[in-house]
């Protein structure tokens, strides 16, 4: 199971959000948390698809348990969408995100720096 660190807060939008237009109201910690969720989903899919495990389902259950009822369905829908995009558009990409950094140079200047690694073959 892939667990989110305790320091990661999960924020659920109740309507579509354009992060570029609303960045002024979003802290660097919140932005980093959003990227952490995407990275967690990506890595869970990589582990499942290349090693035949159940990380995607286990991580989904873990996330659902930690969410308040009013945001749970929306967050799980986003989670499922991330899984679908990874499997449909990036199915043959075996890289896992080993680390990332969100760099903010201003409201319109948000960059993501990431380092990737490939899982060793299953023994």
PDB file of N, CA and C in Angstrom:
ATOM      1  N   UNK A   1       0.843  -1.174   0.000  1.00  0.00           N
ATOM      2  CA  UNK A   1       0.000   0.000   0.000  1.00  0.00           C
ATOM      3  C   UNK A   1       0.886   1.234   0.000  1.00  0.00           C
ATOM      4  N   UNK A   2       0.506   2.227  -0.750  1.00  0.00           N
ATOM      5  CA  UNK A   2       1.210   3.504  -0.758  1.00  0.00           C
ATOM      6  C   UNK A   2       0.400   4.464   0.095  1.00  0.00           C
ATOM      7  N   UNK A   3       1.023   5.003   1.138  1.00  0.00           N
ATOM      8  CA  UNK A   3       0.333   5.898   2.052  1.00  0.00           C
ATOM      9  C   UNK A   3       0.813   7.326   1.853  1.00  0.00           C
ATOM     10  N   UNK A   4      -0.093   8.261   2.025  1.00  0.00           N
ATOM     11  CA  UNK A   4       0.282   9.664   1.989  1.00  0.00           C
ATOM     12  C   UNK A   4       0.886  10.030   3.335  1.00  0.00           C
ATOM     13  N   UNK A   5       1.950  10.816   3.349  1.00  0.00           N
ATOM     14  CA  UNK A   5       2.528  11.255   4.620  1.00  0.00           C
ATOM     15  C   UNK A   5       1.521  12.081   5.408  1.00  0.00           C
ATOM     16  N   UNK A   6       1.655  12.072   6.725  1.00  0.00           N
ATOM     17  CA  UNK A   6       0.732  12.833   7.568  1.00  0.00           C
ATOM     18  C   UNK A   6       0.756  14.324   7.238  1.00  0.00           C
ATOM     19  N   UNK A   7       1.885  14.818   6.784  1.00  0.00           N
ATOM     20  CA  UNK A   7       2.005  16.243   6.471  1.00  0.00           C
ATOM     21  C   UNK A   7       1.205  16.649   5.238  1.00  0.00           C
ATOM     22  N   UNK A   8       0.783  15.684   4.421  1.00  0.00           N
ATOM     23  CA  UNK A   8       0.038  15.992   3.203  1.00  0.00           C
ATOM     24  C   UNK A   8      -1.426  16.190   3.549  1.00  0.00           C
ATOM     25  N   UNK A   9      -1.924  17.365   3.238  1.00  0.00           N
ATOM     26  CA  UNK A   9      -3.337  17.655   3.430  1.00  0.00           C
ATOM     27  C   UNK A   9      -4.038  17.489   2.099  1.00  0.00           C
ATOM     28  N   UNK A  10      -5.217  16.923   2.118  1.00  0.00           N
ATOM     29  CA  UNK A  10      -5.985  16.721   0.901  1.00  0.00           C
ATOM     30  C   UNK A  10      -7.099  17.765   0.861  1.00  0.00           C
ATOM     31  N   UNK A  11      -7.095  18.577  -0.185  1.00  0.00           N
ATOM     32  CA  UNK A  11      -8.128  19.578  -0.377  1.00  0.00           C
ATOM     33  C   UNK A  11      -8.994  19.134  -1.543  1.00  0.00           C
ATOM     34  N   UNK A  12     -10.280  19.207  -1.363  1.00  0.00           N
ATOM     35  CA  UNK A  12     -11.209  18.769  -2.391  1.00  0.00           C
ATOM     36  C   UNK A  12     -11.984  19.970  -2.905  1.00  0.00           C
ATOM     37  N   UNK A  13     -11.918  20.189  -4.201  1.00  0.00           N
ATOM     38  CA  UNK A  13     -12.683  21.262  -4.813  1.00  0.00           C
ATOM     39  C   UNK A  13     -14.098  20.764  -5.079  1.00  0.00           C
ATOM     40  N   UNK A  14     -15.073  21.600  -4.805  1.00  0.00           N
ATOM     41  CA  UNK A  14     -16.466  21.221  -5.035  1.00  0.00           C
ATOM     42  C   UNK A  14     -16.958  21.651  -6.405  1.00  0.00           C
ATOM     43  N   UNK A  15     -16.081  22.320  -7.156  1.00  0.00           N
ATOM     44  CA  UNK A  15     -16.376  22.712  -8.526  1.00  0.00           C
ATOM     45  C   UNK A  15     -15.056  22.820  -9.273  1.00  0.00           C
ATOM     46  N   UNK A  16     -15.084  22.853 -10.605  1.00  0.00           N
ATOM     47  CA  UNK A  16     -13.822  22.947 -11.345  1.00  0.00           C
ATOM     48  C   UNK A  16     -13.009  24.172 -10.927  1.00  0.00           C
ATOM     49  N   UNK A  17     -11.693  23.989 -10.844  1.00  0.00           N
ATOM     50  CA  UNK A  17     -10.807  25.056 -10.402  1.00  0.00           C
ATOM     51  C   UNK A  17      -9.687  25.233 -11.419  1.00  0.00           C
ATOM     52  N   UNK A  18      -9.462  26.453 -11.855  1.00  0.00           N
ATOM     53  CA  UNK A  18      -8.334  26.781 -12.697  1.00  0.00           C
ATOM     54  C   UNK A  18      -7.242  27.287 -11.766  1.00  0.00           C
ATOM     55  N   UNK A  19      -6.202  26.472 -11.528  1.00  0.00           N
ATOM     56  CA  UNK A  19      -5.178  26.835 -10.561  1.00  0.00           C
ATOM     57  C   UNK A  19      -4.400  28.082 -10.958  1.00  0.00           C
ATOM     58  N   UNK A  20      -4.273  28.351 -12.234  1.00  0.00           N
ATOM     59  CA  UNK A  20      -3.555  29.557 -12.638  1.00  0.00           C
ATOM     60  C   UNK A  20      -4.306  30.816 -12.240  1.00  0.00           C
ATOM     61  N   UNK A  21      -5.630  30.788 -12.328  1.00  0.00           N
ATOM     62  CA  UNK A  21      -6.401  31.974 -11.993  1.00  0.00           C
ATOM     63  C   UNK A  21      -6.618  32.115 -10.493  1.00  0.00           C
ATOM     64  N   UNK A  22      -6.570  31.020  -9.751  1.00  0.00           N
ATOM     65  CA  UNK A  22      -6.871  31.077  -8.324  1.00  0.00           C
ATOM     66  C   UNK A  22      -5.637  30.858  -7.471  1.00  0.00           C
ATOM     67  N   UNK A  23      -4.458  30.897  -8.063  1.00  0.00           N
ATOM     68  CA  UNK A  23      -3.264  30.596  -7.298  1.00  0.00           C
ATOM     69  C   UNK A  23      -3.070  31.522  -6.111  1.00  0.00           C
ATOM     70  N   UNK A  24      -3.448  32.792  -6.244  1.00  0.00           N
ATOM     71  CA  UNK A  24      -3.249  33.730  -5.142  1.00  0.00           C
ATOM     72  C   UNK A  24      -3.872  33.233  -3.845  1.00  0.00           C
ATOM     73  N   UNK A  25      -4.952  32.484  -3.929  1.00  0.00           N
ATOM     74  CA  UNK A  25      -5.604  31.970  -2.737  1.00  0.00           C
ATOM     75  C   UNK A  25      -5.143  30.580  -2.346  1.00  0.00           C
ATOM     76  N   UNK A  26      -4.191  30.017  -3.055  1.00  0.00           N
ATOM     77  CA  UNK A  26      -3.730  28.659  -2.809  1.00  0.00           C
ATOM     78  C   UNK A  26      -2.298  28.710  -2.315  1.00  0.00           C
ATOM     79  N   UNK A  27      -2.056  28.154  -1.153  1.00  0.00           N
ATOM     80  CA  UNK A  27      -0.703  28.198  -0.601  1.00  0.00           C
ATOM     81  C   UNK A  27       0.211  27.221  -1.327  1.00  0.00           C
ATOM     82  N   UNK A  28       1.508  27.413  -1.174  1.00  0.00           N
ATOM     83  CA  UNK A  28       2.478  26.492  -1.755  1.00  0.00           C
ATOM     84  C   UNK A  28       2.274  25.086  -1.212  1.00  0.00           C
ATOM     85  N   UNK A  29       1.895  24.971   0.055  1.00  0.00           N
ATOM     86  CA  UNK A  29       1.661  23.664   0.662  1.00  0.00           C
ATOM     87  C   UNK A  29       0.477  22.981  -0.010  1.00  0.00           C
ATOM     88  N   UNK A  30      -0.589  23.728  -0.290  1.00  0.00           N
ATOM     89  CA  UNK A  30      -1.762  23.158  -0.950  1.00  0.00           C
ATOM     90  C   UNK A  30      -1.428  22.702  -2.361  1.00  0.00           C
ATOM     91  N   UNK A  31      -0.671  23.510  -3.084  1.00  0.00           N
ATOM     92  CA  UNK A  31      -0.269  23.155  -4.437  1.00  0.00           C
ATOM     93  C   UNK A  31       0.582  21.897  -4.422  1.00  0.00           C
ATOM     94  N   UNK A  32       1.515  21.821  -3.483  1.00  0.00           N
ATOM     95  CA  UNK A  32       2.359  20.636  -3.356  1.00  0.00           C
ATOM     96  C   UNK A  32       1.513  19.401  -3.026  1.00  0.00           C
ATOM     97  N   UNK A  33       0.496  19.566  -2.206  1.00  0.00           N
ATOM     98  CA  UNK A  33      -0.393  18.450  -1.855  1.00  0.00           C
ATOM     99  C   UNK A  33      -1.129  17.916  -3.083  1.00  0.00           C
ATOM    100  N   UNK A  34      -1.574  18.819  -3.956  1.00  0.00           N
ATOM    101  CA  UNK A  34      -2.251  18.395  -5.179  1.00  0.00           C
ATOM    102  C   UNK A  34      -1.312  17.575  -6.063  1.00  0.00           C
ATOM    103  N   UNK A  35      -0.083  18.034  -6.190  1.00  0.00           N
ATOM    104  CA  UNK A  35       0.896  17.291  -6.990  1.00  0.00           C
ATOM    105  C   UNK A  35       1.207  15.950  -6.324  1.00  0.00           C
ATOM    106  N   UNK A  36       1.272  15.924  -4.991  1.00  0.00           N
ATOM    107  CA  UNK A  36       1.557  14.672  -4.272  1.00  0.00           C
ATOM    108  C   UNK A  36       0.482  13.627  -4.560  1.00  0.00           C
ATOM    109  N   UNK A  37      -0.765  14.049  -4.650  1.00  0.00           N
ATOM    110  CA  UNK A  37      -1.845  13.100  -4.964  1.00  0.00           C
ATOM    111  C   UNK A  37      -1.649  12.532  -6.369  1.00  0.00           C
ATOM    112  N   UNK A  38      -1.344  13.388  -7.330  1.00  0.00           N
ATOM    113  CA  UNK A  38      -1.119  12.915  -8.700  1.00  0.00           C
ATOM    114  C   UNK A  38       0.063  11.948  -8.761  1.00  0.00           C
ATOM    115  N   UNK A  39       1.134  12.269  -8.042  1.00  0.00           N
ATOM    116  CA  UNK A  39       2.314  11.396  -8.012  1.00  0.00           C
ATOM    117  C   UNK A  39       1.979  10.054  -7.358  1.00  0.00           C
ATOM    118  N   UNK A  40       1.223  10.084  -6.287  1.00  0.00           N
ATOM    119  CA  UNK A  40       0.836   8.846  -5.594  1.00  0.00           C
ATOM    120  C   UNK A  40       0.038   7.937  -6.522  1.00  0.00           C
ATOM    121  N   UNK A  41      -0.911   8.511  -7.247  1.00  0.00           N
ATOM    122  CA  UNK A  41      -1.712   7.722  -8.192  1.00  0.00           C
ATOM    123  C   UNK A  41      -0.817   7.160  -9.293  1.00  0.00           C
ATOM    124  N   UNK A  42       0.023   8.003  -9.883  1.00  0.00           N
ATOM    125  CA  UNK A  42       0.915   7.568 -10.961  1.00  0.00           C
ATOM    126  C   UNK A  42       1.754   6.381 -10.501  1.00  0.00           C
ATOM    127  N   UNK A  43       2.400   6.518  -9.340  1.00  0.00           N
ATOM    128  CA  UNK A  43       3.277   5.459  -8.843  1.00  0.00           C
ATOM    129  C   UNK A  43       2.517   4.181  -8.518  1.00  0.00           C
ATOM    130  N   UNK A  44       1.321   4.305  -7.983  1.00  0.00           N
ATOM    131  CA  UNK A  44       0.507   3.118  -7.685  1.00  0.00           C
ATOM    132  C   UNK A  44       0.172   2.359  -8.967  1.00  0.00           C
ATOM    133  N   UNK A  45      -0.165   3.079 -10.028  1.00  0.00           N
ATOM    134  CA  UNK A  45      -0.480   2.433 -11.306  1.00  0.00           C
ATOM    135  C   UNK A  45       0.762   1.744 -11.868  1.00  0.00           C
ATOM    136  N   UNK A  46       1.909   2.406 -11.795  1.00  0.00           N
ATOM    137  CA  UNK A  46       3.145   1.798 -12.303  1.00  0.00           C
ATOM    138  C   UNK A  46       3.421   0.482 -11.580  1.00  0.00           C
ATOM    139  N   UNK A  47       3.346   0.498 -10.266  1.00  0.00           N
ATOM    140  CA  UNK A  47       3.624  -0.715  -9.491  1.00  0.00           C
ATOM    141  C   UNK A  47       2.636  -1.821  -9.856  1.00  0.00           C
ATOM    142  N   UNK A  48       1.362  -1.486  -9.929  1.00  0.00           N
ATOM    143  CA  UNK A  48       0.340  -2.484 -10.290  1.00  0.00           C
ATOM    144  C   UNK A  48       0.561  -3.058 -11.685  1.00  0.00           C
ATOM    145  N   UNK A  49       0.714  -2.181 -12.653  1.00  0.00           N
ATOM    146  CA  UNK A  49       0.751  -2.619 -14.045  1.00  0.00           C
ATOM    147  C   UNK A  49       2.035  -3.353 -14.404  1.00  0.00           C
ATOM    148  N   UNK A  50       3.127  -3.048 -13.744  1.00  0.00           N
ATOM    149  CA  UNK A  50       4.388  -3.693 -14.077  1.00  0.00           C
ATOM    150  C   UNK A  50       4.766  -4.823 -13.126  1.00  0.00           C
ATOM    151  N   UNK A  51       4.061  -4.916 -11.981  1.00  0.00           N
ATOM    152  CA  UNK A  51       4.396  -5.962 -11.026  1.00  0.00           C
ATOM    153  C   UNK A  51       3.183  -6.751 -10.540  1.00  0.00           C
ATOM    154  N   UNK A  52       2.008  -6.466 -11.083  1.00  0.00           N
ATOM    155  CA  UNK A  52       0.824  -7.260 -10.770  1.00  0.00           C
ATOM    156  C   UNK A  52       0.351  -7.176  -9.334  1.00  0.00           C
ATOM    157  N   UNK A  53       0.468  -6.011  -8.719  1.00  0.00           N
ATOM    158  CA  UNK A  53       0.019  -5.834  -7.334  1.00  0.00           C
ATOM    159  C   UNK A  53      -1.347  -5.144  -7.317  1.00  0.00           C
ATOM    160  N   UNK A  54      -1.801  -4.768  -6.140  1.00  0.00           N
ATOM    161  CA  UNK A  54      -3.110  -4.125  -5.982  1.00  0.00           C
ATOM    162  C   UNK A  54      -2.994  -2.745  -5.326  1.00  0.00           C
ATOM    163  N   UNK A  55      -1.926  -2.008  -5.598  1.00  0.00           N
ATOM    164  CA  UNK A  55      -1.709  -0.709  -4.963  1.00  0.00           C
ATOM    165  C   UNK A  55      -2.793   0.313  -5.302  1.00  0.00           C
ATOM    166  N   UNK A  56      -3.282   0.295  -6.527  1.00  0.00           N
ATOM    167  CA  UNK A  56      -4.299   1.275  -6.926  1.00  0.00           C
ATOM    168  C   UNK A  56      -5.556   1.113  -6.066  1.00  0.00           C
ATOM    169  N   UNK A  57      -6.031  -0.088  -5.922  1.00  0.00           N
ATOM    170  CA  UNK A  57      -7.246  -0.334  -5.134  1.00  0.00           C
ATOM    171  C   UNK A  57      -7.007  -0.057  -3.651  1.00  0.00           C
ATOM    172  N   UNK A  58      -5.854  -0.474  -3.136  1.00  0.00           N
ATOM    173  CA  UNK A  58      -5.550  -0.257  -1.721  1.00  0.00           C
ATOM    174  C   UNK A  58      -5.411   1.234  -1.404  1.00  0.00           C
ATOM    175  N   UNK A  59      -4.744   1.959  -2.285  1.00  0.00           N
ATOM    176  CA  UNK A  59      -4.570   3.397  -2.072  1.00  0.00           C
ATOM    177  C   UNK A  59      -5.910   4.114  -2.155  1.00  0.00           C
ATOM    178  N   UNK A  60      -6.763   3.690  -3.078  1.00  0.00           N
ATOM    179  CA  UNK A  60      -8.096   4.296  -3.210  1.00  0.00           C
ATOM    180  C   UNK A  60      -8.902   4.111  -1.922  1.00  0.00           C
ATOM    181  N   UNK A  61      -8.858   2.898  -1.364  1.00  0.00           N
ATOM    182  CA  UNK A  61      -9.571   2.630  -0.101  1.00  0.00           C
ATOM    183  C   UNK A  61      -9.026   3.502   1.021  1.00  0.00           C
ATOM    184  N   UNK A  62      -7.703   3.620   1.095  1.00  0.00           N
ATOM    185  CA  UNK A  62      -7.073   4.426   2.140  1.00  0.00           C
ATOM    186  C   UNK A  62      -7.483   5.893   2.022  1.00  0.00           C
ATOM    187  N   UNK A  63      -7.482   6.418   0.824  1.00  0.00           N
ATOM    188  CA  UNK A  63      -7.870   7.817   0.609  1.00  0.00           C
ATOM    189  C   UNK A  63      -9.339   8.014   0.980  1.00  0.00           C
ATOM    190  N   UNK A  64     -10.194   7.084   0.571  1.00  0.00           N
ATOM    191  CA  UNK A  64     -11.630   7.202   0.867  1.00  0.00           C
ATOM    192  C   UNK A  64     -11.890   7.241   2.370  1.00  0.00           C
ATOM    193  N   UNK A  65     -11.147   6.448   3.125  1.00  0.00           N
ATOM    194  CA  UNK A  65     -11.338   6.425   4.585  1.00  0.00           C
ATOM    195  C   UNK A  65     -11.010   7.772   5.229  1.00  0.00           C
ATOM    196  N   UNK A  66     -10.039   8.478   4.671  1.00  0.00           N
ATOM    197  CA  UNK A  66      -9.588   9.720   5.274  1.00  0.00           C
ATOM    198  C   UNK A  66     -10.338  10.964   4.844  1.00  0.00           C
ATOM    199  N   UNK A  67     -11.285  10.820   3.949  1.00  0.00           N
ATOM    200  CA  UNK A  67     -11.996  11.995   3.432  1.00  0.00           C
ATOM    201  C   UNK A  67     -13.345  12.186   4.111  1.00  0.00           C
ATOM    202  N   UNK A  68     -13.752  13.446   4.283  1.00  0.00           N
ATOM    203  CA  UNK A  68     -15.095  13.690   4.796  1.00  0.00           C
ATOM    204  C   UNK A  68     -16.127  13.282   3.747  1.00  0.00           C
ATOM    205  N   UNK A  69     -17.298  12.849   4.187  1.00  0.00           N
ATOM    206  CA  UNK A  69     -18.318  12.370   3.238  1.00  0.00           C
ATOM    207  C   UNK A  69     -18.662  13.367   2.134  1.00  0.00           C
ATOM    208  N   UNK A  70     -18.671  14.672   2.443  1.00  0.00           N
ATOM    209  CA  UNK A  70     -19.096  15.654   1.434  1.00  0.00           C
ATOM    210  C   UNK A  70     -18.101  15.811   0.286  1.00  0.00           C
ATOM    211  N   UNK A  71     -16.854  15.408   0.458  1.00  0.00           N
ATOM    212  CA  UNK A  71     -15.892  15.525  -0.627  1.00  0.00           C
ATOM    213  C   UNK A  71     -15.426  14.198  -1.196  1.00  0.00           C
ATOM    214  N   UNK A  72     -15.878  13.118  -0.600  1.00  0.00           N
ATOM    215  CA  UNK A  72     -15.368  11.785  -0.954  1.00  0.00           C
ATOM    216  C   UNK A  72     -15.646  11.397  -2.402  1.00  0.00           C
ATOM    217  N   UNK A  73     -16.865  11.544  -2.852  1.00  0.00           N
ATOM    218  CA  UNK A  73     -17.206  11.122  -4.223  1.00  0.00           C
ATOM    219  C   UNK A  73     -16.417  11.899  -5.265  1.00  0.00           C
ATOM    220  N   UNK A  74     -16.282  13.207  -5.067  1.00  0.00           N
ATOM    221  CA  UNK A  74     -15.538  14.019  -6.019  1.00  0.00           C
ATOM    222  C   UNK A  74     -14.062  13.619  -6.036  1.00  0.00           C
ATOM    223  N   UNK A  75     -13.455  13.438  -4.864  1.00  0.00           N
ATOM    224  CA  UNK A  75     -12.039  13.079  -4.814  1.00  0.00           C
ATOM    225  C   UNK A  75     -11.792  11.709  -5.430  1.00  0.00           C
ATOM    226  N   UNK A  76     -12.672  10.761  -5.168  1.00  0.00           N
ATOM    227  CA  UNK A  76     -12.513   9.429  -5.757  1.00  0.00           C
ATOM    228  C   UNK A  76     -12.709   9.466  -7.267  1.00  0.00           C
ATOM    229  N   UNK A  77     -13.570  10.350  -7.739  1.00  0.00           N
ATOM    230  CA  UNK A  77     -13.747  10.526  -9.179  1.00  0.00           C
ATOM    231  C   UNK A  77     -12.459  11.078  -9.803  1.00  0.00           C
ATOM    232  N   UNK A  78     -11.834  12.033  -9.136  1.00  0.00           N
ATOM    233  CA  UNK A  78     -10.561  12.581  -9.613  1.00  0.00           C
ATOM    234  C   UNK A  78      -9.496  11.488  -9.596  1.00  0.00           C
ATOM    235  N   UNK A  79      -9.446  10.732  -8.529  1.00  0.00           N
ATOM    236  CA  UNK A  79      -8.491   9.620  -8.408  1.00  0.00           C
ATOM    237  C   UNK A  79      -8.671   8.654  -9.578  1.00  0.00           C
ATOM    238  N   UNK A  80      -9.906   8.250  -9.817  1.00  0.00           N
ATOM    239  CA  UNK A  80     -10.200   7.317 -10.909  1.00  0.00           C
ATOM    240  C   UNK A  80      -9.815   7.903 -12.274  1.00  0.00           C
ATOM    241  N   UNK A  81     -10.020   9.211 -12.441  1.00  0.00           N
ATOM    242  CA  UNK A  81      -9.631   9.866 -13.689  1.00  0.00           C
ATOM    243  C   UNK A  81      -8.120   9.839 -13.876  1.00  0.00           C
ATOM    244  N   UNK A  82      -7.374  10.090 -12.805  1.00  0.00           N
ATOM    245  CA  UNK A  82      -5.907  10.016 -12.880  1.00  0.00           C
ATOM    246  C   UNK A  82      -5.452   8.622 -13.275  1.00  0.00           C
ATOM    247  N   UNK A  83      -6.079   7.600 -12.689  1.00  0.00           N
ATOM    248  CA  UNK A  83      -5.728   6.213 -13.019  1.00  0.00           C
ATOM    249  C   UNK A  83      -6.004   5.950 -14.495  1.00  0.00           C
ATOM    250  N   UNK A  84      -7.155   6.378 -14.961  1.00  0.00           N
ATOM    251  CA  UNK A  84      -7.542   6.154 -16.360  1.00  0.00           C
ATOM    252  C   UNK A  84      -6.573   6.841 -17.319  1.00  0.00           C
ATOM    253  N   UNK A  85      -6.203   8.078 -17.029  1.00  0.00           N
ATOM    254  CA  UNK A  85      -5.267   8.811 -17.901  1.00  0.00           C
ATOM    255  C   UNK A  85      -3.921   8.101 -17.937  1.00  0.00           C
ATOM    256  N   UNK A  86      -3.421   7.675 -16.786  1.00  0.00           N
ATOM    257  CA  UNK A  86      -2.128   6.975 -16.759  1.00  0.00           C
ATOM    258  C   UNK A  86      -2.202   5.712 -17.609  1.00  0.00           C
ATOM    259  N   UNK A  87      -3.261   4.947 -17.449  1.00  0.00           N
ATOM    260  CA  UNK A  87      -3.373   3.660 -18.153  1.00  0.00           C
ATOM    261  C   UNK A  87      -3.657   3.832 -19.647  1.00  0.00           C
ATOM    262  N   UNK A  88      -4.379   4.859 -20.032  1.00  0.00           N
ATOM    263  CA  UNK A  88      -4.718   5.045 -21.444  1.00  0.00           C
ATOM    264  C   UNK A  88      -3.660   5.832 -22.219  1.00  0.00           C
ATOM    265  N   UNK A  89      -3.136   6.879 -21.613  1.00  0.00           N
ATOM    266  CA  UNK A  89      -2.234   7.763 -22.337  1.00  0.00           C
ATOM    267  C   UNK A  89      -0.747   7.492 -22.084  1.00  0.00           C
ATOM    268  N   UNK A  90      -0.434   6.828 -20.984  1.00  0.00           N
ATOM    269  CA  UNK A  90       0.960   6.603 -20.618  1.00  0.00           C
ATOM    270  C   UNK A  90       1.200   5.158 -20.194  1.00  0.00           C
ATOM    271  N   UNK A  91       0.469   4.233 -20.788  1.00  0.00           N
ATOM    272  CA  UNK A  91       0.501   2.833 -20.366  1.00  0.00           C
ATOM    273  C   UNK A  91       1.881   2.203 -20.463  1.00  0.00           C
ATOM    274  N   UNK A  92       2.662   2.608 -21.426  1.00  0.00           N
ATOM    275  CA  UNK A  92       3.959   1.964 -21.609  1.00  0.00           C
ATOM    276  C   UNK A  92       5.101   2.711 -20.910  1.00  0.00           C
ATOM    277  N   UNK A  93       4.793   3.658 -20.039  1.00  0.00           N
ATOM    278  CA  UNK A  93       5.814   4.409 -19.305  1.00  0.00           C
ATOM    279  C   UNK A  93       6.037   3.747 -17.945  1.00  0.00           C
ATOM    280  N   UNK A  94       7.178   3.044 -17.770  1.00  0.00           N
ATOM    281  CA  UNK A  94       7.420   2.313 -16.522  1.00  0.00           C
ATOM    282  C   UNK A  94       8.080   3.151 -15.431  1.00  0.00           C
ATOM    283  N   UNK A  95       8.275   4.436 -15.687  1.00  0.00           N
ATOM    284  CA  UNK A  95       8.976   5.260 -14.695  1.00  0.00           C
ATOM    285  C   UNK A  95       8.075   5.609 -13.517  1.00  0.00           C
ATOM    286  N   UNK A  96       8.691   5.634 -12.330  1.00  0.00           N
ATOM    287  CA  UNK A  96       8.025   6.112 -11.117  1.00  0.00           C
ATOM    288  C   UNK A  96       8.624   7.459 -10.759  1.00  0.00           C
ATOM    289  N   UNK A  97       7.823   8.302 -10.156  1.00  0.00           N
ATOM    290  CA  UNK A  97       8.322   9.590  -9.689  1.00  0.00           C
ATOM    291  C   UNK A  97       9.026   9.343  -8.359  1.00  0.00           C
ATOM    292  N   UNK A  98      10.345   9.581  -8.357  1.00  0.00           N
ATOM    293  CA  UNK A  98      11.138   9.353  -7.147  1.00  0.00           C
ATOM    294  C   UNK A  98      11.120  10.575  -6.235  1.00  0.00           C
ATOM    295  N   UNK A  99      11.088  11.751  -6.840  1.00  0.00           N
ATOM    296  CA  UNK A  99      11.020  12.986  -6.066  1.00  0.00           C
ATOM    297  C   UNK A  99      10.485  14.092  -6.974  1.00  0.00           C
ATOM    298  N   UNK A 100       9.968  15.126  -6.339  1.00  0.00           N
ATOM    299  CA  UNK A 100       9.493  16.272  -7.111  1.00  0.00           C
ATOM    300  C   UNK A 100       9.600  17.525  -6.267  1.00  0.00           C
ATOM    301  N   UNK A 101       9.584  18.652  -6.968  1.00  0.00           N
ATOM    302  CA  UNK A 101       9.640  19.949  -6.315  1.00  0.00           C
ATOM    303  C   UNK A 101       8.737  20.892  -7.085  1.00  0.00           C
ATOM    304  N   UNK A 102       7.883  21.596  -6.376  1.00  0.00           N
ATOM    305  CA  UNK A 102       7.039  22.614  -6.986  1.00  0.00           C
ATOM    306  C   UNK A 102       7.742  23.952  -6.788  1.00  0.00           C
ATOM    307  N   UNK A 103       8.025  24.620  -7.890  1.00  0.00           N
ATOM    308  CA  UNK A 103       8.727  25.905  -7.849  1.00  0.00           C
ATOM    309  C   UNK A 103       7.767  27.009  -8.239  1.00  0.00           C
ATOM    310  N   UNK A 104       7.647  28.008  -7.402  1.00  0.00           N
ATOM    311  CA  UNK A 104       6.723  29.113  -7.646  1.00  0.00           C
ATOM    312  C   UNK A 104       7.515  30.404  -7.755  1.00  0.00           C
ATOM    313  N   UNK A 105       7.470  30.983  -8.948  1.00  0.00           N
ATOM    314  CA  UNK A 105       8.166  32.240  -9.195  1.00  0.00           C
ATOM    315  C   UNK A 105       7.180  33.406  -9.288  1.00  0.00           C
ATOM    316  N   UNK A 106       5.927  33.152  -9.053  1.00  0.00           N
ATOM    317  CA  UNK A 106       4.882  34.168  -9.136  1.00  0.00           C
ATOM    318  C   UNK A 106       3.576  33.513  -9.501  1.00  0.00           C
ATOM    319  N   UNK A 107       2.482  34.275  -9.498  1.00  0.00           N
ATOM    320  CA  UNK A 107       1.157  33.698  -9.752  1.00  0.00           C
ATOM    321  C   UNK A 107       1.022  32.972 -11.090  1.00  0.00           C
ATOM    322  N   UNK A 108       1.744  33.413 -12.088  1.00  0.00           N
ATOM    323  CA  UNK A 108       1.666  32.791 -13.409  1.00  0.00           C
ATOM    324  C   UNK A 108       2.886  31.933 -13.719  1.00  0.00           C
ATOM    325  N   UNK A 109       3.778  31.765 -12.759  1.00  0.00           N
ATOM    326  CA  UNK A 109       5.035  31.056 -12.987  1.00  0.00           C
ATOM    327  C   UNK A 109       5.180  29.878 -12.014  1.00  0.00           C
ATOM    328  N   UNK A 110       4.492  28.815 -12.307  1.00  0.00           N
ATOM    329  CA  UNK A 110       4.555  27.612 -11.484  1.00  0.00           C
ATOM    330  C   UNK A 110       5.237  26.522 -12.305  1.00  0.00           C
ATOM    331  N   UNK A 111       6.302  25.954 -11.754  1.00  0.00           N
ATOM    332  CA  UNK A 111       7.039  24.905 -12.453  1.00  0.00           C
ATOM    333  C   UNK A 111       7.097  23.668 -11.583  1.00  0.00           C
ATOM    334  N   UNK A 112       7.214  22.523 -12.225  1.00  0.00           N
ATOM    335  CA  UNK A 112       7.361  21.256 -11.525  1.00  0.00           C
ATOM    336  C   UNK A 112       8.655  20.613 -11.988  1.00  0.00           C
ATOM    337  N   UNK A 113       9.509  20.292 -11.049  1.00  0.00           N
ATOM    338  CA  UNK A 113      10.759  19.583 -11.342  1.00  0.00           C
ATOM    339  C   UNK A 113      10.619  18.197 -10.722  1.00  0.00           C
ATOM    340  N   UNK A 114      10.847  17.172 -11.529  1.00  0.00           N
ATOM    341  CA  UNK A 114      10.666  15.806 -11.027  1.00  0.00           C
ATOM    342  C   UNK A 114      11.834  14.926 -11.455  1.00  0.00           C
ATOM    343  N   UNK A 115      12.115  13.939 -10.629  1.00  0.00           N
ATOM    344  CA  UNK A 115      13.116  12.916 -10.946  1.00  0.00           C
ATOM    345  C   UNK A 115      12.405  11.578 -10.978  1.00  0.00           C
ATOM    346  N   UNK A 116      12.734  10.771 -11.956  1.00  0.00           N
ATOM    347  CA  UNK A 116      12.051   9.483 -12.120  1.00  0.00           C
ATOM    348  C   UNK A 116      13.044   8.336 -12.006  1.00  0.00           C
ATOM    349  N   UNK A 117      12.509   7.177 -11.734  1.00  0.00           N
ATOM    350  CA  UNK A 117      13.299   5.952 -11.672  1.00  0.00           C
ATOM    351  C   UNK A 117      12.457   4.826 -12.253  1.00  0.00           C
ATOM    352  N   UNK A 118      13.107   3.760 -12.657  1.00  0.00           N
ATOM    353  CA  UNK A 118      12.397   2.600 -13.191  1.00  0.00           C
ATOM    354  C   UNK A 118      12.500   1.482 -12.163  1.00  0.00           C
ATOM    355  N   UNK A 119      11.389   0.829 -11.907  1.00  0.00           N
ATOM    356  CA  UNK A 119      11.387  -0.287 -10.959  1.00  0.00           C
ATOM    357  C   UNK A 119      12.252  -1.423 -11.491  1.00  0.00           C
ATOM    358  N   UNK A 120      12.952  -2.096 -10.594  1.00  0.00           N
ATOM    359  CA  UNK A 120      13.692  -3.284 -11.045  1.00  0.00           C
ATOM    360  C   UNK A 120      12.694  -4.380 -11.456  1.00  0.00           C
ATOM    361  N   UNK A 121      13.114  -5.308 -12.285  1.00  0.00           N
ATOM    362  CA  UNK A 121      12.203  -6.388 -12.678  1.00  0.00           C
ATOM    363  C   UNK A 121      11.725  -7.180 -11.465  1.00  0.00           C
ATOM    364  N   UNK A 122      10.536  -7.686 -11.569  1.00  0.00           N
ATOM    365  CA  UNK A 122       9.978  -8.503 -10.490  1.00  0.00           C
ATOM    366  C   UNK A 122      10.793  -9.778 -10.356  1.00  0.00           C
ATOM    367  N   UNK A 123      11.197 -10.128  -9.133  1.00  0.00           N
ATOM    368  CA  UNK A 123      12.013 -11.351  -8.968  1.00  0.00           C
ATOM    369  C   UNK A 123      11.279 -12.622  -9.313  1.00  0.00           C
TER     370      UNK A 123
END
